[in-house]
Amino acid sequence: MDDGRCPDGVWAEAASKTLRKGSADVLAAIESKDLSAAKLSFASMTKACAACHNAHKEKK
C-alpha cells in the first residue's frame, strides 16, 4: 500500500487488516498447537481473499 498500488478501501481492508491479522492468528494457533483456532483463523484469511477478489473480478 505504501507504493500507491492500493486500488480502494476493499483491498486495503482485506490486505492490510484482515489478511495480516488472520495470518498472525494462524501462526499463533500453530505455535500453541491449537488446531481449532488455526482453522478459524485460516477461514478468516480466505474470506479476506474472497472479498477482495469478488470486488475486483473482471466482468465478462
Protein backbone atom coordinates (compact mmCIF):
# COMPACT_ATOMS: atom_id res chain seq x y z
CA MET A 1 0.00 0.00 0.00
CA ASP A 2 2.93 2.33 0.54
CA ASP A 3 3.83 2.20 -3.13
CA GLY A 4 0.46 3.50 -4.33
CA ARG A 5 -0.86 0.21 -5.68
CA CYS A 6 -3.85 0.11 -3.30
CA PRO A 7 -6.87 0.35 -5.61
CA ASP A 8 -9.54 1.04 -2.98
CA GLY A 9 -10.84 0.54 0.54
CA VAL A 10 -11.95 -3.07 -0.09
CA TRP A 11 -8.40 -4.02 -0.99
CA ALA A 12 -6.95 -2.03 1.88
CA GLU A 13 -9.24 -3.69 4.42
CA ALA A 14 -8.63 -7.19 3.06
CA ALA A 15 -4.89 -6.94 2.54
CA SER A 16 -3.85 -4.63 5.29
CA LYS A 17 -6.09 -5.56 8.18
CA THR A 18 -7.93 -8.84 7.76
CA LEU A 19 -5.26 -10.82 5.95
CA ARG A 20 -2.43 -9.68 8.20
CA LYS A 21 -4.40 -10.34 11.38
CA GLY A 22 -5.60 -13.71 10.10
CA SER A 23 -2.11 -14.86 9.18
CA ALA A 24 -0.72 -13.73 12.55
CA ASP A 25 -3.55 -15.58 14.28
CA VAL A 26 -2.86 -18.73 12.25
CA LEU A 27 0.80 -18.63 13.23
CA ALA A 28 -0.07 -18.12 16.89
CA ALA A 29 -2.51 -21.04 16.78
CA ILE A 30 0.11 -23.26 15.15
CA GLU A 31 2.67 -22.34 17.77
CA SER A 32 0.20 -23.20 20.53
CA LYS A 33 -0.85 -26.36 18.65
CA ASP A 34 -4.50 -25.28 18.63
CA LEU A 35 -5.98 -26.85 15.52
CA SER A 36 -9.44 -25.41 16.05
CA ALA A 37 -8.12 -21.84 16.34
CA ALA A 38 -5.89 -22.37 13.31
CA LYS A 39 -8.87 -23.47 11.23
CA LEU A 40 -10.94 -20.47 12.31
CA SER A 41 -8.09 -18.07 11.58
CA PHE A 42 -7.44 -19.64 8.20
CA ALA A 43 -11.13 -19.29 7.33
CA SER A 44 -10.88 -15.60 8.19
CA MET A 45 -7.91 -15.26 5.84
CA THR A 46 -9.71 -16.92 2.95
CA LYS A 47 -12.76 -14.68 3.47
CA ALA A 48 -10.47 -11.67 3.15
CA CYS A 49 -9.10 -13.03 -0.12
CA ALA A 50 -12.58 -13.78 -1.43
CA ALA A 51 -13.94 -10.33 -0.56
CA CYS A 52 -11.18 -8.61 -2.49
CA HIS A 53 -11.29 -11.00 -5.45
CA ASN A 54 -15.08 -10.67 -5.68
CA ALA A 55 -14.87 -6.88 -5.62
CA HIS A 56 -12.19 -6.73 -8.31
CA LYS A 57 -13.16 -9.67 -10.52
CA GLU A 58 -13.24 -8.80 -14.20
CA LYS A 59 -16.74 -8.68 -15.62
CA LYS A 60 -17.01 -10.50 -18.92
